Amino acid sequence: MNTNDVIMRLEKKEDYREVENLIRESFWNVYRPGCSEHYVIHVLRDDPAFIKELDYVMEKDGILIGQNMFMRTIIEADDGRIIPVLTMGPIGITPDLKRRGYGKRILDYTLEKATAMGYGAVLFEGNIDFYGKSGFDYASKFGIRYHDLPEGSDASFFLCKELVPGYLNDVTGVYQTPKGYYVDDSDVEEFDKFFPPKQKLKLPGQIF
């Protein structure tokens, strides 16, 4: 799809390393010194829960500037049901183009694609100030709890968007992050050796 100055398309195998480098540049020193997100997507592409049909990149002037992808996961409902849902990310934009609307454009586009495929809801860890503009709200408002989070803890990072209105009606329960998102720091370090050297910095606002 061409939306004026950008093209949205599915990721191809030949894009993999360029996308991983884009994600590395996007997340470097943001949440922790260095980052692990480029290795996470490298691992997730081989995960059974990975949805190739929802693995999108965004091009501008022939250059990859953004990406987003989705994984299947579940809510373990309090009444014993297993509720299929999606999670997404890492979602990244090249640093030079952040805060210029490109992130929202690929987010909204890929959410539309997920809706068209019949998925019911997306749960995700993110900032409500950004994702709220695309229809996300606090997951707690839907009665969904984040796994392993002690009762009473701040869950404002945990967001939800129904793709099918009412999909989570009468559902309360615990969301499970796909196991593929959990990677070993030593594996990240080894993988990172294949990329240009970058300095890891401890910066204000990092959460790890």
N, C-alpha and C. Protein backbone atom coordinates (compact mmCIF):
# COMPACT_ATOMS: atom_id res chain seq x y z
N MET A 1 0.85 -1.20 0.00
CA MET A 1 0.00 0.00 0.00
C MET A 1 0.88 1.25 0.00
N ASN A 2 0.53 2.22 -0.85
CA ASN A 2 1.21 3.51 -0.88
C ASN A 2 0.31 4.55 -0.25
N THR A 3 0.74 5.15 0.85
CA THR A 3 -0.04 6.21 1.48
C THR A 3 0.75 7.50 1.34
N ASN A 4 0.68 8.05 0.16
CA ASN A 4 1.38 9.28 -0.19
C ASN A 4 2.90 9.08 -0.16
N ASP A 5 3.56 9.39 0.96
CA ASP A 5 5.02 9.37 0.96
C ASP A 5 5.62 8.07 1.46
N VAL A 6 4.80 7.09 1.86
CA VAL A 6 5.34 5.83 2.36
C VAL A 6 4.64 4.64 1.70
N ILE A 7 5.31 3.50 1.75
CA ILE A 7 4.76 2.23 1.27
C ILE A 7 4.73 1.27 2.44
N MET A 8 3.58 0.65 2.68
CA MET A 8 3.43 -0.42 3.68
C MET A 8 3.42 -1.75 2.94
N ARG A 9 4.23 -2.69 3.38
CA ARG A 9 4.26 -4.01 2.75
C ARG A 9 4.71 -5.06 3.75
N LEU A 10 4.45 -6.33 3.43
CA LEU A 10 4.92 -7.42 4.28
C LEU A 10 6.44 -7.50 4.26
N GLU A 11 7.00 -7.88 5.38
CA GLU A 11 8.45 -8.09 5.47
C GLU A 11 8.84 -9.30 4.62
N LYS A 12 9.98 -9.20 3.94
CA LYS A 12 10.54 -10.31 3.18
C LYS A 12 11.78 -10.84 3.89
N LYS A 13 12.14 -12.06 3.56
CA LYS A 13 13.31 -12.67 4.20
C LYS A 13 14.56 -11.83 3.99
N GLU A 14 14.68 -11.23 2.79
CA GLU A 14 15.87 -10.43 2.51
C GLU A 14 15.89 -9.12 3.30
N ASP A 15 14.77 -8.78 3.95
CA ASP A 15 14.73 -7.58 4.79
C ASP A 15 15.23 -7.83 6.21
N TYR A 16 15.37 -9.09 6.59
CA TYR A 16 15.53 -9.43 8.01
C TYR A 16 16.63 -8.64 8.70
N ARG A 17 17.84 -8.64 8.16
CA ARG A 17 18.94 -7.98 8.86
C ARG A 17 18.74 -6.47 8.88
N GLU A 18 18.22 -5.90 7.80
CA GLU A 18 17.98 -4.46 7.78
C GLU A 18 16.92 -4.08 8.80
N VAL A 19 15.88 -4.90 8.93
CA VAL A 19 14.84 -4.63 9.93
C VAL A 19 15.41 -4.77 11.34
N GLU A 20 16.21 -5.79 11.56
CA GLU A 20 16.82 -5.97 12.88
C GLU A 20 17.70 -4.77 13.24
N ASN A 21 18.43 -4.24 12.27
CA ASN A 21 19.26 -3.07 12.54
C ASN A 21 18.39 -1.84 12.80
N LEU A 22 17.27 -1.72 12.06
CA LEU A 22 16.34 -0.62 12.30
C LEU A 22 15.81 -0.66 13.73
N ILE A 23 15.40 -1.86 14.16
CA ILE A 23 14.89 -2.01 15.53
C ILE A 23 15.98 -1.70 16.55
N ARG A 24 17.18 -2.17 16.28
CA ARG A 24 18.32 -1.89 17.18
C ARG A 24 18.54 -0.38 17.32
N GLU A 25 18.53 0.33 16.20
CA GLU A 25 18.72 1.78 16.24
C GLU A 25 17.56 2.46 16.98
N SER A 26 16.34 1.96 16.77
CA SER A 26 15.16 2.56 17.37
C SER A 26 15.14 2.41 18.89
N PHE A 27 15.60 1.27 19.39
CA PHE A 27 15.48 0.97 20.82
C PHE A 27 16.77 1.16 21.61
N TRP A 28 17.86 1.46 20.94
CA TRP A 28 19.16 1.51 21.62
C TRP A 28 19.16 2.55 22.74
N ASN A 29 19.48 2.12 23.94
CA ASN A 29 19.57 2.96 25.15
C ASN A 29 18.25 3.61 25.54
N VAL A 30 17.12 3.12 25.01
CA VAL A 30 15.82 3.70 25.36
C VAL A 30 15.30 3.15 26.69
N TYR A 31 15.17 1.84 26.78
CA TYR A 31 14.62 1.22 27.99
C TYR A 31 15.70 0.64 28.91
N ARG A 32 16.90 0.49 28.37
CA ARG A 32 18.02 -0.10 29.11
C ARG A 32 19.29 0.28 28.36
N PRO A 33 20.46 0.14 28.97
CA PRO A 33 21.69 0.34 28.20
C PRO A 33 21.76 -0.69 27.07
N GLY A 34 21.92 -0.23 25.84
CA GLY A 34 21.83 -1.14 24.70
C GLY A 34 20.38 -1.47 24.43
N CYS A 35 20.11 -2.67 23.92
CA CYS A 35 18.73 -3.14 23.75
C CYS A 35 18.75 -4.63 23.40
N SER A 36 17.59 -5.25 23.50
CA SER A 36 17.44 -6.66 23.14
C SER A 36 16.40 -6.88 22.05
N GLU A 37 15.68 -5.82 21.67
CA GLU A 37 14.53 -5.97 20.78
C GLU A 37 14.90 -6.54 19.41
N HIS A 38 16.09 -6.20 18.91
CA HIS A 38 16.50 -6.71 17.59
C HIS A 38 16.70 -8.22 17.63
N TYR A 39 17.16 -8.72 18.77
CA TYR A 39 17.30 -10.18 18.92
C TYR A 39 15.94 -10.83 19.14
N VAL A 40 15.07 -10.13 19.86
CA VAL A 40 13.72 -10.66 20.11
C VAL A 40 13.01 -10.96 18.80
N ILE A 41 13.01 -10.00 17.86
CA ILE A 41 12.29 -10.27 16.60
C ILE A 41 13.00 -11.35 15.80
N HIS A 42 14.32 -11.43 15.90
CA HIS A 42 15.07 -12.50 15.23
C HIS A 42 14.58 -13.87 15.70
N VAL A 43 14.32 -13.98 16.99
CA VAL A 43 13.85 -15.24 17.58
C VAL A 43 12.37 -15.47 17.26
N LEU A 44 11.58 -14.42 17.35
CA LEU A 44 10.12 -14.56 17.18
C LEU A 44 9.72 -15.04 15.80
N ARG A 45 10.50 -14.70 14.79
CA ARG A 45 10.12 -15.10 13.43
C ARG A 45 10.02 -16.62 13.29
N ASP A 46 10.70 -17.37 14.14
CA ASP A 46 10.64 -18.83 14.09
C ASP A 46 9.69 -19.41 15.13
N ASP A 47 8.96 -18.55 15.83
CA ASP A 47 8.04 -19.00 16.87
C ASP A 47 6.71 -19.40 16.23
N PRO A 48 6.10 -20.49 16.66
CA PRO A 48 4.81 -20.91 16.10
C PRO A 48 3.71 -19.86 16.25
N ALA A 49 3.84 -18.98 17.24
CA ALA A 49 2.83 -17.96 17.48
C ALA A 49 2.99 -16.74 16.58
N PHE A 50 4.09 -16.66 15.86
CA PHE A 50 4.37 -15.52 14.97
C PHE A 50 3.40 -15.53 13.79
N ILE A 51 2.89 -14.35 13.41
CA ILE A 51 1.92 -14.25 12.32
C ILE A 51 2.59 -13.57 11.14
N LYS A 52 3.03 -14.36 10.17
CA LYS A 52 3.75 -13.81 9.02
C LYS A 52 2.88 -12.83 8.23
N GLU A 53 1.58 -13.07 8.23
CA GLU A 53 0.66 -12.22 7.47
C GLU A 53 0.45 -10.85 8.13
N LEU A 54 0.99 -10.66 9.33
CA LEU A 54 0.89 -9.38 10.03
C LEU A 54 2.26 -8.84 10.40
N ASP A 55 3.25 -9.17 9.60
CA ASP A 55 4.64 -8.73 9.81
C ASP A 55 4.96 -7.68 8.75
N TYR A 56 4.77 -6.42 9.10
CA TYR A 56 4.82 -5.34 8.12
C TYR A 56 6.03 -4.42 8.30
N VAL A 57 6.48 -3.89 7.17
CA VAL A 57 7.50 -2.83 7.18
C VAL A 57 6.94 -1.62 6.45
N MET A 58 7.56 -0.48 6.71
CA MET A 58 7.19 0.77 6.06
C MET A 58 8.42 1.34 5.37
N GLU A 59 8.26 1.69 4.10
CA GLU A 59 9.34 2.26 3.30
C GLU A 59 9.06 3.72 2.97
N LYS A 60 10.12 4.51 2.95
CA LYS A 60 10.05 5.89 2.49
C LYS A 60 11.24 6.13 1.57
N ASP A 61 10.95 6.51 0.33
CA ASP A 61 12.01 6.75 -0.66
C ASP A 61 12.92 5.53 -0.81
N GLY A 62 12.31 4.33 -0.76
CA GLY A 62 13.05 3.10 -0.95
C GLY A 62 13.85 2.62 0.24
N ILE A 63 13.70 3.29 1.38
CA ILE A 63 14.45 2.93 2.59
C ILE A 63 13.48 2.47 3.66
N LEU A 64 13.81 1.39 4.36
CA LEU A 64 12.97 0.92 5.46
C LEU A 64 13.06 1.89 6.62
N ILE A 65 11.93 2.38 7.06
CA ILE A 65 11.93 3.35 8.17
C ILE A 65 11.10 2.89 9.36
N GLY A 66 10.33 1.80 9.22
CA GLY A 66 9.50 1.36 10.33
C GLY A 66 9.01 -0.06 10.15
N GLN A 67 8.55 -0.65 11.23
CA GLN A 67 8.01 -2.01 11.18
C GLN A 67 7.10 -2.27 12.38
N ASN A 68 6.24 -3.28 12.23
CA ASN A 68 5.43 -3.79 13.33
C ASN A 68 5.07 -5.23 13.03
N MET A 69 4.90 -6.02 14.07
CA MET A 69 4.55 -7.42 13.91
C MET A 69 3.67 -7.87 15.07
N PHE A 70 2.99 -9.01 14.88
CA PHE A 70 2.04 -9.52 15.87
C PHE A 70 2.31 -10.98 16.20
N MET A 71 1.90 -11.36 17.41
CA MET A 71 2.00 -12.74 17.88
C MET A 71 0.65 -13.17 18.44
N ARG A 72 0.32 -14.44 18.26
CA ARG A 72 -0.87 -15.00 18.91
C ARG A 72 -0.54 -15.29 20.37
N THR A 73 -1.50 -15.02 21.24
CA THR A 73 -1.36 -15.41 22.63
C THR A 73 -2.75 -15.61 23.23
N ILE A 74 -2.85 -15.70 24.54
CA ILE A 74 -4.13 -16.04 25.17
C ILE A 74 -4.37 -15.24 26.46
N ILE A 75 -5.63 -15.19 26.82
CA ILE A 75 -6.05 -14.81 28.17
C ILE A 75 -6.58 -16.08 28.83
N GLU A 76 -6.07 -16.38 30.01
CA GLU A 76 -6.61 -17.49 30.81
C GLU A 76 -7.72 -16.91 31.66
N ALA A 77 -8.95 -17.13 31.22
CA ALA A 77 -10.10 -16.51 31.87
C ALA A 77 -10.36 -17.15 33.24
N ASP A 78 -10.92 -16.34 34.12
CA ASP A 78 -11.20 -16.82 35.48
C ASP A 78 -12.23 -17.94 35.50
N ASP A 79 -13.05 -18.04 34.45
CA ASP A 79 -14.05 -19.11 34.41
C ASP A 79 -13.55 -20.37 33.70
N GLY A 80 -12.24 -20.40 33.39
CA GLY A 80 -11.65 -21.59 32.79
C GLY A 80 -11.50 -21.55 31.28
N ARG A 81 -12.11 -20.57 30.64
CA ARG A 81 -11.97 -20.46 29.19
C ARG A 81 -10.58 -19.97 28.80
N ILE A 82 -10.17 -20.32 27.59
CA ILE A 82 -8.96 -19.79 26.98
C ILE A 82 -9.39 -18.85 25.86
N ILE A 83 -9.05 -17.58 25.98
CA ILE A 83 -9.49 -16.57 25.04
C ILE A 83 -8.33 -16.20 24.11
N PRO A 84 -8.42 -16.49 22.83
CA PRO A 84 -7.34 -16.13 21.90
C PRO A 84 -7.29 -14.62 21.69
N VAL A 85 -6.09 -14.06 21.79
CA VAL A 85 -5.88 -12.64 21.54
C VAL A 85 -4.54 -12.47 20.84
N LEU A 86 -4.21 -11.23 20.51
CA LEU A 86 -2.92 -10.90 19.92
C LEU A 86 -2.10 -10.05 20.88
N THR A 87 -0.78 -10.11 20.71
CA THR A 87 0.09 -9.06 21.22
C THR A 87 0.92 -8.59 20.04
N MET A 88 1.66 -7.52 20.23
CA MET A 88 2.41 -6.99 19.09
C MET A 88 3.74 -6.41 19.52
N GLY A 89 4.57 -6.18 18.54
CA GLY A 89 5.87 -5.57 18.76
C GLY A 89 6.99 -6.58 18.86
N PRO A 90 8.22 -6.10 18.77
CA PRO A 90 8.57 -4.68 18.81
C PRO A 90 8.07 -3.91 17.59
N ILE A 91 7.66 -2.67 17.85
CA ILE A 91 7.29 -1.74 16.79
C ILE A 91 8.31 -0.62 16.80
N GLY A 92 8.96 -0.39 15.69
CA GLY A 92 10.06 0.57 15.68
C GLY A 92 10.02 1.51 14.50
N ILE A 93 10.53 2.72 14.73
CA ILE A 93 10.69 3.74 13.69
C ILE A 93 12.15 4.21 13.75
N THR A 94 12.74 4.43 12.58
CA THR A 94 14.12 4.91 12.56
C THR A 94 14.22 6.21 13.36
N PRO A 95 15.26 6.37 14.20
CA PRO A 95 15.32 7.49 15.15
C PRO A 95 15.12 8.87 14.52
N ASP A 96 15.63 9.09 13.33
CA ASP A 96 15.52 10.41 12.70
C ASP A 96 14.08 10.81 12.37
N LEU A 97 13.19 9.82 12.32
CA LEU A 97 11.80 10.10 11.93
C LEU A 97 10.80 9.87 13.07
N LYS A 98 11.30 9.69 14.28
CA LYS A 98 10.39 9.53 15.41
C LYS A 98 9.66 10.84 15.70
N ARG A 99 8.46 10.68 16.29
CA ARG A 99 7.63 11.82 16.68
C ARG A 99 7.20 12.68 15.48
N ARG A 100 7.06 12.02 14.33
CA ARG A 100 6.57 12.72 13.14
C ARG A 100 5.35 12.02 12.54
N GLY A 101 4.74 11.11 13.32
CA GLY A 101 3.50 10.48 12.90
C GLY A 101 3.65 9.15 12.19
N TYR A 102 4.88 8.74 11.89
CA TYR A 102 5.06 7.50 11.15
C TYR A 102 4.71 6.27 12.00
N GLY A 103 5.02 6.34 13.29
CA GLY A 103 4.69 5.21 14.16
C GLY A 103 3.19 4.96 14.21
N LYS A 104 2.43 6.02 14.34
CA LYS A 104 0.97 5.87 14.38
C LYS A 104 0.44 5.34 13.05
N ARG A 105 1.06 5.73 11.95
CA ARG A 105 0.59 5.30 10.64
C ARG A 105 0.76 3.79 10.45
N ILE A 106 1.92 3.27 10.82
CA ILE A 106 2.08 1.82 10.64
C ILE A 106 1.28 1.06 11.71
N LEU A 107 1.15 1.64 12.89
CA LEU A 107 0.33 1.01 13.92
C LEU A 107 -1.11 0.89 13.47
N ASP A 108 -1.69 1.98 13.02
CA ASP A 108 -3.09 1.96 12.60
C ASP A 108 -3.30 1.04 11.41
N TYR A 109 -2.36 1.06 10.48
CA TYR A 109 -2.47 0.21 9.29
C TYR A 109 -2.45 -1.27 9.67
N THR A 110 -1.54 -1.65 10.53
CA THR A 110 -1.43 -3.06 10.90
C THR A 110 -2.59 -3.50 11.79
N LEU A 111 -3.12 -2.60 12.60
CA LEU A 111 -4.31 -2.93 13.39
C LEU A 111 -5.51 -3.17 12.47
N GLU A 112 -5.62 -2.39 11.42
CA GLU A 112 -6.69 -2.62 10.44
C GLU A 112 -6.55 -3.99 9.79
N LYS A 113 -5.31 -4.38 9.47
CA LYS A 113 -5.07 -5.69 8.86
C LYS A 113 -5.44 -6.81 9.83
N ALA A 114 -5.09 -6.64 11.11
CA ALA A 114 -5.43 -7.66 12.11
C ALA A 114 -6.94 -7.78 12.28
N THR A 115 -7.62 -6.64 12.24
CA THR A 115 -9.08 -6.65 12.33
C THR A 115 -9.70 -7.38 11.15
N ALA A 116 -9.17 -7.10 9.95
CA ALA A 116 -9.70 -7.74 8.74
C ALA A 116 -9.50 -9.24 8.75
N MET A 117 -8.47 -9.71 9.47
CA MET A 117 -8.21 -11.15 9.57
C MET A 117 -9.08 -11.81 10.63
N GLY A 118 -9.86 -11.02 11.38
CA GLY A 118 -10.82 -11.59 12.32
C GLY A 118 -10.35 -11.72 13.75
N TYR A 119 -9.19 -11.16 14.06
CA TYR A 119 -8.72 -11.23 15.44
C TYR A 119 -9.53 -10.30 16.33
N GLY A 120 -9.70 -10.70 17.61
CA GLY A 120 -10.65 -10.01 18.46
C GLY A 120 -10.11 -8.89 19.31
N ALA A 121 -8.83 -9.00 19.75
CA ALA A 121 -8.29 -7.98 20.65
C ALA A 121 -6.77 -8.06 20.63
N VAL A 122 -6.14 -6.92 20.96
CA VAL A 122 -4.69 -6.83 21.08
C VAL A 122 -4.35 -6.34 22.47
N LEU A 123 -3.46 -7.03 23.15
CA LEU A 123 -2.96 -6.60 24.45
C LEU A 123 -1.45 -6.40 24.34
N PHE A 124 -0.96 -5.37 25.03
CA PHE A 124 0.37 -4.89 24.71
C PHE A 124 0.91 -4.06 25.88
N GLU A 125 2.22 -4.03 26.00
CA GLU A 125 2.86 -3.19 27.02
C GLU A 125 3.36 -1.91 26.34
N GLY A 126 2.81 -0.77 26.73
CA GLY A 126 3.19 0.47 26.07
C GLY A 126 2.72 1.70 26.83
N ASN A 127 2.96 2.85 26.22
CA ASN A 127 2.64 4.15 26.81
C ASN A 127 1.26 4.61 26.34
N ILE A 128 0.36 4.83 27.27
CA ILE A 128 -1.01 5.21 26.92
C ILE A 128 -1.04 6.54 26.16
N ASP A 129 -0.09 7.43 26.42
CA ASP A 129 -0.09 8.72 25.74
C ASP A 129 0.05 8.56 24.23
N PHE A 130 0.82 7.55 23.80
CA PHE A 130 0.97 7.29 22.37
C PHE A 130 -0.12 6.35 21.87
N TYR A 131 -0.25 5.20 22.49
CA TYR A 131 -1.15 4.16 21.97
C TYR A 131 -2.62 4.49 22.18
N GLY A 132 -2.90 5.36 23.14
CA GLY A 132 -4.28 5.78 23.33
C GLY A 132 -4.85 6.49 22.11
N LYS A 133 -3.97 7.13 21.32
CA LYS A 133 -4.41 7.82 20.11
C LYS A 133 -4.90 6.85 19.04
N SER A 134 -4.56 5.58 19.20
CA SER A 134 -5.00 4.55 18.25
C SER A 134 -6.05 3.62 18.86
N GLY A 135 -6.66 4.06 19.96
CA GLY A 135 -7.79 3.33 20.52
C GLY A 135 -7.48 2.37 21.65
N PHE A 136 -6.22 2.34 22.12
CA PHE A 136 -5.89 1.48 23.26
C PHE A 136 -6.35 2.14 24.56
N ASP A 137 -6.68 1.30 25.53
CA ASP A 137 -7.03 1.76 26.87
C ASP A 137 -6.34 0.84 27.87
N TYR A 138 -6.43 1.19 29.14
CA TYR A 138 -5.83 0.34 30.16
C TYR A 138 -6.52 -1.01 30.18
N ALA A 139 -5.74 -2.09 30.18
CA ALA A 139 -6.31 -3.44 30.18
C ALA A 139 -7.15 -3.70 31.43
N SER A 140 -6.81 -3.02 32.52
CA SER A 140 -7.57 -3.20 33.76
C SER A 140 -9.04 -2.82 33.58
N LYS A 141 -9.32 -1.90 32.66
CA LYS A 141 -10.71 -1.50 32.41
C LYS A 141 -11.51 -2.62 31.77
N PHE A 142 -10.81 -3.58 31.17
CA PHE A 142 -11.46 -4.74 30.56
C PHE A 142 -11.48 -5.94 31.51
N GLY A 143 -10.91 -5.77 32.70
CA GLY A 143 -10.85 -6.88 33.65
C GLY A 143 -9.74 -7.87 33.37
N ILE A 144 -8.73 -7.43 32.62
CA ILE A 144 -7.63 -8.32 32.27
C ILE A 144 -6.40 -7.95 33.09
N ARG A 145 -5.78 -8.95 33.71
CA ARG A 145 -4.62 -8.75 34.56
C ARG A 145 -3.35 -9.23 33.86
N TYR A 146 -2.25 -8.60 34.20
CA TYR A 146 -0.96 -8.96 33.62
C TYR A 146 -0.35 -10.09 34.44
N HIS A 147 0.11 -11.14 33.78
CA HIS A 147 0.66 -12.30 34.49
C HIS A 147 1.82 -11.90 35.40
N ASP A 148 1.90 -12.54 36.53
CA ASP A 148 3.01 -12.39 37.48
C ASP A 148 3.11 -11.00 38.10
N LEU A 149 2.11 -10.15 37.90
CA LEU A 149 2.15 -8.82 38.49
C LEU A 149 1.42 -8.85 39.83
N PRO A 150 2.11 -8.54 40.93
CA PRO A 150 1.46 -8.60 42.24
C PRO A 150 0.24 -7.69 42.31
N GLU A 151 -0.75 -8.14 43.04
CA GLU A 151 -1.98 -7.36 43.18
C GLU A 151 -1.68 -5.99 43.78
N GLY A 152 -2.27 -4.97 43.21
CA GLY A 152 -2.03 -3.62 43.69
C GLY A 152 -0.88 -2.90 43.01
N SER A 153 -0.12 -3.61 42.18
CA SER A 153 0.99 -2.98 41.48
C SER A 153 0.49 -2.09 40.35
N ASP A 154 1.32 -1.14 39.96
CA ASP A 154 0.98 -0.25 38.86
C ASP A 154 0.93 -1.04 37.56
N ALA A 155 -0.22 -1.09 36.92
CA ALA A 155 -0.38 -1.81 35.65
C ALA A 155 -0.71 -0.86 34.51
N SER A 156 -0.32 0.42 34.67
CA SER A 156 -0.67 1.41 33.66
C SER A 156 0.06 1.19 32.34
N PHE A 157 1.09 0.35 32.36
CA PHE A 157 1.82 0.02 31.14
C PHE A 157 1.08 -1.00 30.27
N PHE A 158 0.10 -1.67 30.84
CA PHE A 158 -0.55 -2.80 30.19
C PHE A 158 -1.84 -2.33 29.52
N LEU A 159 -1.84 -2.39 28.19
CA LEU A 159 -2.90 -1.77 27.40
C LEU A 159 -3.68 -2.80 26.59
N CYS A 160 -4.87 -2.41 26.17
CA CYS A 160 -5.74 -3.32 25.41
C CYS A 160 -6.56 -2.53 24.40
N LYS A 161 -6.80 -3.15 23.26
CA LYS A 161 -7.71 -2.60 22.26
C LYS A 161 -8.55 -3.74 21.71
N GLU A 162 -9.86 -3.61 21.80
CA GLU A 162 -10.75 -4.56 21.14
C GLU A 162 -10.79 -4.27 19.65
N LEU A 163 -10.53 -5.27 18.85
CA LEU A 163 -10.68 -5.14 17.40
C LEU A 163 -12.11 -5.48 16.98
N VAL A 164 -12.71 -6.38 17.73
CA VAL A 164 -14.13 -6.72 17.57
C VAL A 164 -14.86 -6.14 18.79
N PRO A 165 -15.71 -5.15 18.60
CA PRO A 165 -16.41 -4.55 19.75
C PRO A 165 -17.12 -5.61 20.59
N GLY A 166 -16.89 -5.55 21.90
CA GLY A 166 -17.52 -6.50 22.80
C GLY A 166 -16.81 -7.84 22.92
N TYR A 167 -15.67 -8.01 22.25
CA TYR A 167 -14.97 -9.30 22.25
C TYR A 167 -14.61 -9.75 23.68
N LEU A 168 -14.32 -8.80 24.55
CA LEU A 168 -13.92 -9.14 25.91
C LEU A 168 -15.04 -8.93 26.93
N ASN A 169 -16.25 -8.73 26.45
CA ASN A 169 -17.38 -8.66 27.37
C ASN A 169 -17.46 -9.94 28.19
N ASP A 170 -17.69 -9.81 29.47
CA ASP A 170 -17.85 -10.97 30.37
C ASP A 170 -16.57 -11.81 30.46
N VAL A 171 -15.42 -11.22 30.11
CA VAL A 171 -14.14 -11.92 30.26
C VAL A 171 -13.31 -11.20 31.31
N THR A 172 -12.92 -11.92 32.34
CA THR A 172 -11.88 -11.46 33.26
C THR A 172 -10.84 -12.56 33.33
N GLY A 173 -9.59 -12.17 33.52
CA GLY A 173 -8.58 -13.21 33.56
C GLY A 173 -7.18 -12.66 33.43
N VAL A 174 -6.24 -13.57 33.15
CA VAL A 174 -4.82 -13.25 33.14
C VAL A 174 -4.24 -13.39 31.74
N TYR A 175 -3.62 -12.34 31.28
CA TYR A 175 -2.94 -12.33 29.99
C TYR A 175 -1.57 -13.00 30.11
N GLN A 176 -1.21 -13.78 29.10
CA GLN A 176 0.08 -14.47 29.10
C GLN A 176 0.95 -13.95 27.94
N THR A 177 2.12 -13.41 28.29
CA THR A 177 3.08 -12.99 27.27
C THR A 177 3.67 -14.23 26.61
N PRO A 178 3.73 -14.28 25.27
CA PRO A 178 4.36 -15.43 24.61
C PRO A 178 5.80 -15.63 25.08
N LYS A 179 6.19 -16.88 25.29
CA LYS A 179 7.51 -17.20 25.83
C LYS A 179 8.64 -16.68 24.96
N GLY A 180 8.37 -16.53 23.65
CA GLY A 180 9.42 -16.09 22.75
C GLY A 180 9.98 -14.71 23.04
N TYR A 181 9.22 -13.91 23.80
CA TYR A 181 9.69 -12.56 24.13
C TYR A 181 10.78 -12.58 25.21
N TYR A 182 10.93 -13.70 25.89
CA TYR A 182 11.92 -13.77 26.96
C TYR A 182 13.22 -14.34 26.40
N VAL A 183 14.25 -13.51 26.35
CA VAL A 183 15.53 -13.93 25.79
C VAL A 183 16.62 -13.77 26.84
N ASP A 184 17.66 -14.55 26.67
CA ASP A 184 18.79 -14.54 27.60
C ASP A 184 19.76 -13.42 27.22
N ASP A 185 20.22 -12.68 28.22
CA ASP A 185 21.13 -11.56 27.95
C ASP A 185 22.41 -12.01 27.25
N SER A 186 22.88 -13.19 27.58
CA SER A 186 24.11 -13.67 26.94
C SER A 186 23.88 -13.95 25.45
N ASP A 187 22.68 -14.43 25.10
CA ASP A 187 22.36 -14.65 23.69
C ASP A 187 22.24 -13.31 22.95
N VAL A 188 21.69 -12.30 23.63
CA VAL A 188 21.60 -10.97 23.03
C VAL A 188 23.00 -10.43 22.75
N GLU A 189 23.91 -10.61 23.70
CA GLU A 189 25.28 -10.12 23.54
C GLU A 189 25.96 -10.77 22.34
N GLU A 190 25.78 -12.06 22.19
CA GLU A 190 26.39 -12.77 21.06
C GLU A 190 25.81 -12.30 19.73
N PHE A 191 24.50 -12.13 19.69
CA PHE A 191 23.84 -11.69 18.47
C PHE A 191 24.27 -10.27 18.11
N ASP A 192 24.46 -9.45 19.11
CA ASP A 192 24.79 -8.05 18.86
C ASP A 192 26.17 -7.87 18.22
N LYS A 193 27.01 -8.89 18.32
CA LYS A 193 28.35 -8.80 17.73
C LYS A 193 28.30 -8.74 16.20
N PHE A 194 27.16 -9.11 15.62
CA PHE A 194 27.02 -9.07 14.16
C PHE A 194 26.65 -7.69 13.64
N PHE A 195 26.50 -6.71 14.54
CA PHE A 195 26.09 -5.36 14.17
C PHE A 195 27.21 -4.37 14.48
N PRO A 196 27.17 -3.18 13.88
CA PRO A 196 28.20 -2.18 14.17
C PRO A 196 28.26 -1.85 15.66
N PRO A 197 29.44 -1.62 16.19
CA PRO A 197 29.57 -1.31 17.63
C PRO A 197 28.81 -0.03 17.99
N LYS A 198 28.14 -0.07 19.14
CA LYS A 198 27.45 1.11 19.67
C LYS A 198 27.70 1.16 21.17
N GLN A 199 27.75 2.36 21.71
CA GLN A 199 28.01 2.53 23.13
C GLN A 199 26.74 2.36 23.94
N LYS A 200 26.81 1.53 24.98
CA LYS A 200 25.69 1.37 25.89
C LYS A 200 25.78 2.44 26.97
N LEU A 201 24.66 3.13 27.19
CA LEU A 201 24.64 4.21 28.17
C LEU A 201 23.50 4.01 29.16
N LYS A 202 23.77 4.31 30.41
CA LYS A 202 22.73 4.34 31.43
C LYS A 202 22.15 5.74 31.46
N LEU A 203 20.86 5.87 31.07
CA LEU A 203 20.25 7.18 30.90
C LEU A 203 19.02 7.34 31.78
N PRO A 204 18.68 8.57 32.15
CA PRO A 204 17.44 8.81 32.91
C PRO A 204 16.23 8.30 32.14
N GLY A 205 15.29 7.72 32.86
CA GLY A 205 14.06 7.25 32.24
C GLY A 205 14.09 5.79 31.82
N GLN A 206 15.28 5.18 31.79
CA GLN A 206 15.34 3.76 31.46
C GLN A 206 14.68 2.96 32.59
N ILE A 207 14.06 1.83 32.21
CA ILE A 207 13.32 1.06 33.22
C ILE A 207 14.01 -0.25 33.56
N PHE A 208 15.09 -0.59 32.86
CA PHE A 208 15.84 -1.81 33.18
C PHE A 208 17.30 -1.45 33.44
